[in-house]
Amino acid sequence: MAANKTNLTRRAFIGGAAAFGAVSIAVPRVALAEPTSADVQAQADAARVKLDDMQKRLNQASDDYYTALEEHDTATAKMDEAQAKIDDNNVKIAELQESLGGRARGMYRDGQITFLDVLLGSSSFDDFLKNWDILQTLNESDANLVAQTKTLREDNEKQKAEYQAQADTAKQKMDEAEAIKNEAEGLVEQYQAEVDSLDAEVAELVEQERQAAAEAEAARQREEFEQQQESNTDNTSNETNNGNNDTGNDTTDDYTPPADNGGGSSSGGSTGGGGTPNAAALSVAAGFLGVPYVWGGDDPSGFDCSGLTSYCYRATGYEIGRTTYAQYASANYIMSLSEAQPGDVLYNGGHVGICSQAGGGEYIHAPAPGQVVCYSTWSQFYCALRW
């Protein structure tokens, strides 16, 4: 029944507009002809572009969501710091007030309390002279106690302002995260509805087109990345030679880390192989095969792409960041795909997976809404990350 409904929909879309009245029973039989392969291909192309755009938006939304949560947590931590300083200041102020109280009691015993009474209750010139006399009796220690109390009270006011500012930031970031989450959930539903509306023939072509496009883009990015690596190697070699030939003149280090050709900024990681692949992370990932893709998911009930990699690494003792870019930025080594080993994280600027075969030819990842954690072999990554 569903297949017939889909076929009728396609006939109405492709044949109906050309027939100018496909609803009439007098329409020639040829108007209901099955779509040609070109028609199906065109429909698949359009669907793939739409789905790819949705997937990119979902991936970006996931990164934005967790970035907002991290900023919220940072603001909350700063609130706690400000409150801790206020509490500490209050303890010190109480101690200083106790010391000043002791000084006042001493002044009372010395017969100076009458001057304090005048200081607190008068405003004439004579009162001023009396106040001045009292100030003269304060020793340097008394003055320091007063100054410290004043400074601590001023700092408390600053800390209260900082606390409020961070509280406002925390609320703003949480609101941002909620807005991103709500928008993404709507996008997931839209994505799933789009997938559900495709019949098997078009869906197969969509997936083929998606993989072909991703492989072509990954190949371009790999070539660009490897050229950058070669350029960095040449620069380093030239600088070494210049250093060996240095006659005492100052030299400038022009080396820059490789750019994130997938859309991020430069990383502090080293290029080239190094470190030890985290094969244990691959074993953890293999235990989640079949777990559904869940946007924003980072636990065994459901994962998105970076949620899976961060969880598997965290389970083996590594904190690599929750978002795709955070993982790229935190990597100790950024390598070409050919250097990838099982357990390394594979990266393409908007998606990540865990390498399961040397050279990155196979990997485990959380692909997209409606799919599950699985092995894949199509070439969509351009570099490998290692910690």
Protein backbone atom coordinates (compact mmCIF):
# COMPACT_ATOMS: atom_id res chain seq x y z
CA MET A 1 0.00 0.00 0.00
CA ALA A 2 2.82 2.38 0.95
CA ALA A 3 4.68 1.62 -2.27
CA ASN A 4 1.56 2.30 -4.37
CA LYS A 5 1.07 5.59 -2.56
CA THR A 6 4.64 6.63 -3.28
CA ASN A 7 4.34 5.69 -6.95
CA LEU A 8 1.14 7.67 -7.30
CA THR A 9 2.81 10.66 -5.67
CA ARG A 10 5.71 10.52 -8.09
CA ARG A 11 3.37 10.13 -11.06
CA ALA A 12 1.37 13.12 -9.92
CA PHE A 13 4.54 15.20 -9.51
CA ILE A 14 6.27 14.22 -12.73
CA GLY A 15 3.45 13.45 -15.07
CA GLY A 16 0.65 15.59 -13.70
CA ALA A 17 2.18 19.01 -14.36
CA ALA A 18 2.89 18.14 -17.98
CA ALA A 19 -0.59 16.70 -18.54
CA PHE A 20 -2.47 19.82 -17.30
CA GLY A 21 -5.31 17.94 -15.65
CA ALA A 22 -4.02 14.64 -14.48
CA VAL A 23 -7.08 14.35 -12.23
CA SER A 24 -9.32 13.79 -15.23
CA ILE A 25 -10.18 10.19 -16.10
CA ALA A 26 -9.69 11.14 -19.75
CA VAL A 27 -5.93 11.62 -19.30
CA PRO A 28 -4.06 9.33 -21.71
CA ARG A 29 -2.48 6.25 -20.11
CA VAL A 30 1.01 7.46 -21.07
CA ALA A 31 0.67 10.30 -18.50
CA LEU A 32 0.85 7.67 -15.76
CA ALA A 33 4.03 6.10 -17.06
CA GLU A 34 6.66 5.19 -14.51
CA PRO A 35 9.35 7.88 -13.98
CA THR A 36 12.44 7.51 -16.10
CA SER A 37 15.83 6.80 -14.55
CA ALA A 38 16.69 10.46 -15.15
CA ASP A 39 13.60 11.51 -13.18
CA VAL A 40 14.51 9.22 -10.31
CA GLN A 41 18.10 10.48 -10.38
CA ALA A 42 16.95 14.10 -10.29
CA GLN A 43 14.70 13.35 -7.34
CA ALA A 44 17.55 11.56 -5.57
CA ASP A 45 19.96 14.44 -6.21
CA ALA A 46 17.54 16.96 -4.75
CA ALA A 47 16.83 14.77 -1.73
CA ARG A 48 20.53 14.18 -1.08
CA VAL A 49 21.33 17.89 -1.14
CA LYS A 50 18.49 18.53 1.27
CA LEU A 51 19.51 15.72 3.63
CA ASP A 52 23.18 16.70 3.52
CA ASP A 53 22.29 20.25 4.45
CA MET A 54 20.17 19.01 7.35
CA GLN A 55 22.97 16.72 8.54
CA LYS A 56 25.50 19.57 8.51
CA ARG A 57 23.09 21.75 10.45
CA LEU A 58 22.53 18.96 12.97
CA ASN A 59 26.27 18.41 13.42
CA GLN A 60 26.85 22.14 13.89
CA ALA A 61 23.91 22.39 16.27
CA SER A 62 25.35 19.57 18.37
CA ASP A 63 28.68 21.39 18.65
CA ASP A 64 26.92 24.69 19.44
CA TYR A 65 24.73 23.01 22.04
CA TYR A 66 27.63 21.52 23.97
CA THR A 67 29.69 24.69 23.60
CA ALA A 68 26.83 26.62 25.21
CA LEU A 69 26.62 24.05 28.02
CA GLU A 70 30.37 24.29 28.60
CA GLU A 71 30.14 28.08 28.74
CA HIS A 72 27.26 27.75 31.19
CA ASP A 73 29.36 25.45 33.37
CA THR A 74 32.29 27.89 33.19
CA ALA A 75 30.06 30.77 34.27
CA THR A 76 28.65 28.67 37.10
CA ALA A 77 32.17 27.83 38.26
CA LYS A 78 33.05 31.54 38.25
CA MET A 79 29.93 32.21 40.31
CA ASP A 80 31.17 29.67 42.83
CA GLU A 81 34.61 31.33 42.85
CA ALA A 82 33.08 34.74 43.46
CA GLN A 83 30.91 33.38 46.27
CA ALA A 84 33.92 31.65 47.84
CA LYS A 85 35.83 34.96 47.80
CA ILE A 86 32.85 36.75 49.38
CA ASP A 87 32.65 34.12 52.11
CA ASP A 88 36.40 34.32 52.71
CA ASN A 89 36.25 38.13 52.82
CA ASN A 90 33.41 38.02 55.33
CA VAL A 91 35.46 35.81 57.64
CA LYS A 92 38.40 38.21 57.42
CA ILE A 93 36.15 41.25 57.95
CA ALA A 94 34.69 39.64 61.07
CA GLU A 95 38.21 39.04 62.38
CA LEU A 96 39.22 42.64 61.67
CA GLN A 97 36.08 43.97 63.30
CA GLU A 98 36.85 41.91 66.36
CA SER A 99 40.35 43.42 66.46
CA LEU A 100 38.95 46.92 66.06
CA GLY A 101 36.41 46.18 68.79
CA GLY A 102 39.25 45.19 71.07
CA ARG A 103 40.99 48.46 70.23
CA ALA A 104 37.80 50.39 71.05
CA ARG A 105 37.52 48.60 74.40
CA GLY A 106 41.12 49.55 75.10
CA MET A 107 40.36 53.18 74.28
CA TYR A 108 37.45 53.05 76.68
CA ARG A 109 39.69 51.79 79.45
CA ASP A 110 42.17 54.59 78.62
CA GLY A 111 39.43 57.21 78.86
CA GLN A 112 39.32 57.93 75.10
CA ILE A 113 35.78 56.72 74.43
CA THR A 114 34.42 60.28 74.87
CA PHE A 115 36.29 61.26 71.72
CA LEU A 116 34.69 58.35 69.87
CA ASP A 117 31.27 59.55 71.00
CA VAL A 118 32.06 62.99 69.62
CA LEU A 119 33.37 61.49 66.39
CA LEU A 120 30.14 59.60 65.82
CA GLY A 121 27.72 62.36 66.80
CA SER A 122 28.97 65.87 65.93
CA SER A 123 29.81 68.00 62.91
CA SER A 124 31.19 71.33 64.27
CA PHE A 125 34.73 72.64 63.89
CA ASP A 126 35.41 71.84 67.52
CA ASP A 127 34.23 68.31 66.85
CA PHE A 128 36.63 68.12 63.93
CA LEU A 129 39.53 69.07 66.19
CA LYS A 130 38.51 66.40 68.63
CA ASN A 131 38.25 63.88 65.77
CA TRP A 132 41.72 64.85 64.63
CA ASP A 133 43.03 64.25 68.13
CA ILE A 134 41.53 60.77 68.08
CA LEU A 135 43.05 60.01 64.69
CA GLN A 136 46.39 61.06 66.09
CA THR A 137 46.02 58.48 68.83
CA LEU A 138 45.47 55.66 66.33
CA ASN A 139 48.69 53.80 65.73
CA GLU A 140 49.79 52.35 62.44
CA SER A 141 48.28 48.97 63.29
CA ASP A 142 44.87 50.54 63.86
CA ALA A 143 45.06 52.31 60.50
CA ASN A 144 45.99 49.07 58.77
CA LEU A 145 43.03 47.27 60.31
CA VAL A 146 40.67 49.96 59.06
CA ALA A 147 42.26 49.98 55.61
CA GLN A 148 42.07 46.19 55.32
CA THR A 149 38.42 46.19 56.32
CA LYS A 150 37.64 48.85 53.75
CA THR A 151 39.52 46.96 51.01
CA LEU A 152 37.73 43.72 51.80
CA ARG A 153 34.33 45.41 51.73
CA GLU A 154 35.17 46.98 48.35
CA ASP A 155 36.29 43.60 47.04
CA ASN A 156 33.03 42.08 48.24
CA GLU A 157 31.11 44.59 46.16
CA LYS A 158 33.20 43.66 43.11
CA GLN A 159 32.69 39.96 43.76
CA LYS A 160 28.94 40.45 44.11
CA ALA A 161 28.91 42.26 40.75
CA GLU A 162 30.98 39.46 39.21
CA TYR A 163 28.65 36.86 40.69
CA GLN A 164 25.62 38.57 39.16
CA ALA A 165 27.33 38.99 35.79
CA GLN A 166 28.25 35.30 35.70
CA ALA A 167 24.75 34.35 36.82
CA ASP A 168 23.36 36.34 33.89
CA THR A 169 25.84 34.64 31.54
CA ALA A 170 24.96 31.21 32.88
CA LYS A 171 21.25 31.84 32.31
CA GLN A 172 21.90 33.23 28.82
CA LYS A 173 23.99 30.19 27.85
CA MET A 174 21.43 27.77 29.21
CA ASP A 175 18.70 29.58 27.28
CA GLU A 176 20.88 29.36 24.15
CA ALA A 177 21.41 25.64 24.71
CA GLU A 178 17.68 25.04 25.15
CA ALA A 179 16.88 27.03 21.99
CA ILE A 180 19.46 25.08 19.99
CA LYS A 181 18.13 21.80 21.39
CA ASN A 182 14.53 22.63 20.51
CA GLU A 183 15.47 23.73 17.00
CA ALA A 184 17.57 20.61 16.47
CA GLU A 185 14.79 18.32 17.66
CA GLY A 186 12.51 19.88 15.06
CA LEU A 187 15.20 19.41 12.45
CA VAL A 188 15.61 15.75 13.40
CA GLU A 189 11.88 15.21 12.90
CA GLN A 190 12.06 16.98 9.54
CA TYR A 191 15.07 14.88 8.54
CA GLN A 192 13.34 11.66 9.52
CA ALA A 193 10.15 12.65 7.69
CA GLU A 194 12.19 13.36 4.57
CA VAL A 195 13.87 9.96 4.78
CA ASP A 196 10.57 8.22 5.42
CA SER A 197 9.04 9.86 2.35
CA LEU A 198 11.63 8.34 0.02
CA ASP A 199 10.84 5.01 -1.56
CA ALA A 200 13.49 2.30 -1.63
CA GLU A 201 14.71 3.06 -5.15
CA VAL A 202 15.29 6.75 -4.50
CA ALA A 203 16.65 6.14 -1.00
CA GLU A 204 19.31 3.82 -2.39
CA LEU A 205 20.36 6.41 -4.95
CA VAL A 206 20.38 9.12 -2.28
CA GLU A 207 22.78 7.08 -0.16
CA GLN A 208 24.99 6.33 -3.16
CA GLU A 209 25.08 10.00 -4.08
CA ARG A 210 25.78 11.00 -0.49
CA GLN A 211 28.71 8.62 -0.21
CA ALA A 212 30.13 9.64 -3.58
CA ALA A 213 29.92 13.32 -2.69
CA ALA A 214 31.46 12.73 0.74
CA GLU A 215 34.31 10.67 -0.72
CA ALA A 216 35.05 13.35 -3.31
CA GLU A 217 35.12 16.05 -0.63
CA ALA A 218 37.26 13.90 1.65
CA ALA A 219 39.72 13.29 -1.20
CA ARG A 220 39.97 17.03 -1.80
CA GLN A 221 40.50 17.71 1.89
CA ARG A 222 43.09 14.93 2.18
CA GLU A 223 45.06 16.37 -0.71
CA GLU A 224 44.91 19.84 0.81
CA PHE A 225 45.90 18.51 4.24
CA GLU A 226 48.84 16.53 2.86
CA GLN A 227 50.04 19.53 0.86
CA GLN A 228 49.94 21.56 4.08
CA GLN A 229 51.94 18.87 5.86
CA GLU A 230 54.55 18.88 3.09
CA SER A 231 54.72 22.67 3.22
CA ASN A 232 55.18 22.62 6.99
CA THR A 233 57.90 19.97 6.66
CA ASP A 234 59.72 22.05 4.05
CA ASN A 235 59.46 25.16 6.23
CA THR A 236 60.82 23.29 9.23
CA SER A 237 63.68 21.88 7.15
CA ASN A 238 64.56 25.34 5.80
CA GLU A 239 64.50 26.82 9.28
CA THR A 240 66.78 24.04 10.52
CA ASN A 241 69.23 24.70 7.68
CA ASN A 242 69.09 28.43 8.32
CA GLY A 243 69.73 27.76 11.98
CA ASN A 244 72.76 25.62 11.15
CA ASN A 245 74.12 28.41 8.96
CA ASP A 246 73.31 31.13 11.49
CA THR A 247 76.17 33.57 11.97
CA GLY A 248 74.64 35.31 14.95
CA ASN A 249 71.76 37.19 13.32
CA ASP A 250 68.32 36.82 14.89
CA THR A 251 65.96 34.45 13.10
CA THR A 252 62.17 34.26 13.09
CA ASP A 253 60.18 31.07 13.43
CA ASP A 254 57.61 31.14 10.62
CA TYR A 255 56.15 27.71 11.36
CA THR A 256 52.39 27.57 11.87
CA PRO A 257 50.34 24.53 12.87
CA PRO A 258 48.29 22.86 10.11
CA ALA A 259 44.96 24.50 9.42
CA ASP A 260 41.72 22.66 10.06
CA ASN A 261 40.60 22.32 6.46
CA GLY A 262 37.30 20.93 7.63
CA GLY A 263 36.13 24.27 8.95
CA GLY A 264 37.84 24.63 12.32
CA SER A 265 40.80 26.77 13.26
CA SER A 266 44.38 25.73 13.83
CA SER A 267 45.11 23.04 16.36
CA GLY A 268 47.96 22.82 18.77
CA GLY A 269 48.58 19.16 17.89
CA SER A 270 51.67 17.89 16.13
CA THR A 271 51.51 16.62 12.58
CA GLY A 272 52.88 13.21 11.68
CA GLY A 273 52.62 9.93 13.54
CA GLY A 274 53.34 9.68 17.24
CA GLY A 275 51.89 8.51 20.50
CA THR A 276 50.05 5.24 20.96
CA PRO A 277 46.72 4.42 19.30
CA ASN A 278 43.90 3.90 21.80
CA ALA A 279 42.82 0.44 20.71
CA ALA A 280 40.76 0.11 23.89
CA ALA A 281 38.42 2.86 22.63
CA LEU A 282 37.67 0.75 19.57
CA SER A 283 36.72 -2.18 21.79
CA VAL A 284 34.33 0.06 23.74
CA ALA A 285 32.79 1.36 20.50
CA ALA A 286 32.26 -2.18 19.22
CA GLY A 287 30.11 -2.82 22.27
CA PHE A 288 27.66 -0.15 21.11
CA LEU A 289 26.98 -1.46 17.60
CA GLY A 290 23.26 -1.15 16.94
CA VAL A 291 22.71 1.68 19.45
CA PRO A 292 20.52 4.33 17.77
CA TYR A 293 21.76 7.71 16.64
CA VAL A 294 20.38 10.37 18.99
CA TRP A 295 21.09 14.03 18.39
CA GLY A 296 23.09 15.34 21.35
CA GLY A 297 23.39 11.81 22.72
CA ASP A 298 26.53 10.86 24.64
CA ASP A 299 25.58 7.77 26.62
CA PRO A 300 24.66 4.15 25.80
CA SER A 301 20.99 5.04 25.29
CA GLY A 302 21.96 6.88 22.10
CA PHE A 303 24.90 8.72 20.51
CA ASP A 304 25.63 11.34 17.95
CA CYS A 305 29.03 11.17 16.23
CA SER A 306 31.14 13.14 18.71
CA GLY A 307 29.12 11.78 21.62
CA LEU A 308 30.25 8.27 20.67
CA THR A 309 33.94 9.13 20.31
CA SER A 310 34.05 11.22 23.52
CA TYR A 311 32.28 8.49 25.50
CA CYS A 312 34.57 5.69 24.26
CA TYR A 313 37.69 7.73 25.01
CA ARG A 314 36.42 8.85 28.40
CA ALA A 315 35.70 5.20 29.26
CA THR A 316 39.39 4.46 28.61
CA GLY A 317 40.79 7.36 30.61
CA TYR A 318 40.96 10.18 28.03
CA GLU A 319 39.18 13.54 28.04
CA ILE A 320 39.18 14.64 24.40
CA GLY A 321 36.35 17.19 24.34
CA ARG A 322 32.67 16.71 23.55
CA THR A 323 32.42 18.42 20.16
CA THR A 324 34.07 17.55 16.86
CA TYR A 325 36.17 20.71 16.84
CA ALA A 326 37.13 20.34 20.52
CA GLN A 327 38.47 16.89 19.68
CA TYR A 328 40.45 18.25 16.74
CA ALA A 329 41.80 21.10 18.87
CA SER A 330 42.82 18.84 21.77
CA ALA A 331 44.60 16.16 19.71
CA ASN A 332 48.28 15.65 20.47
CA TYR A 333 48.88 14.32 16.97
CA ILE A 334 47.07 15.16 13.72
CA MET A 335 47.98 12.66 11.03
CA SER A 336 47.16 11.89 7.46
CA LEU A 337 44.53 9.21 6.99
CA SER A 338 47.15 6.72 5.77
CA GLU A 339 48.78 6.85 9.23
CA ALA A 340 45.56 6.04 11.10
CA GLN A 341 45.56 3.00 13.37
CA PRO A 342 42.69 1.20 15.12
CA GLY A 343 41.43 3.36 17.98
CA ASP A 344 42.38 6.72 16.43
CA VAL A 345 39.58 9.23 15.84
CA LEU A 346 38.93 9.98 12.17
CA TYR A 347 37.88 13.53 11.32
CA ASN A 348 36.49 15.51 8.39
CA GLY A 349 35.55 18.89 9.87
CA GLY A 350 31.97 18.02 10.75
CA HIS A 351 31.94 14.32 11.55
CA VAL A 352 34.06 11.86 13.54
CA GLY A 353 34.40 8.10 13.90
CA ILE A 354 36.75 5.56 15.48
CA CYS A 355 39.22 3.85 13.16
CA SER A 356 38.92 0.06 13.07
CA GLN A 357 41.37 -0.67 10.26
CA ALA A 358 44.87 0.65 9.56
CA GLY A 359 44.70 3.48 7.05
CA GLY A 360 41.16 4.41 8.05
CA GLY A 361 39.51 2.15 5.50
CA GLU A 362 36.97 0.96 8.06
CA TYR A 363 35.58 2.65 11.14
CA ILE A 364 32.76 2.69 13.69
CA HIS A 365 30.56 5.79 13.83
CA ALA A 366 27.10 7.13 14.66
CA PRO A 367 25.98 8.19 11.17
CA ALA A 368 22.70 10.12 11.15
CA PRO A 369 19.11 10.25 12.46
CA GLY A 370 17.25 7.03 11.81
CA GLN A 371 20.48 5.01 11.74
CA VAL A 372 22.51 3.14 14.35
CA VAL A 373 26.12 2.88 15.45
CA CYS A 374 27.77 0.73 12.81
CA TYR A 375 30.86 -0.14 10.82
CA SER A 376 31.32 1.79 7.57
CA THR A 377 33.94 1.73 4.84
CA TRP A 378 33.19 4.65 2.54
CA SER A 379 35.91 7.29 2.55
CA GLN A 380 34.51 10.39 4.24
CA PHE A 381 37.46 11.40 6.48
CA TYR A 382 40.66 13.23 5.64
CA CYS A 383 42.82 12.97 8.78
CA ALA A 384 43.28 11.06 12.02
CA LEU A 385 43.55 12.34 15.60
CA ARG A 386 45.58 10.80 18.41
CA TRP A 387 46.17 11.65 22.08
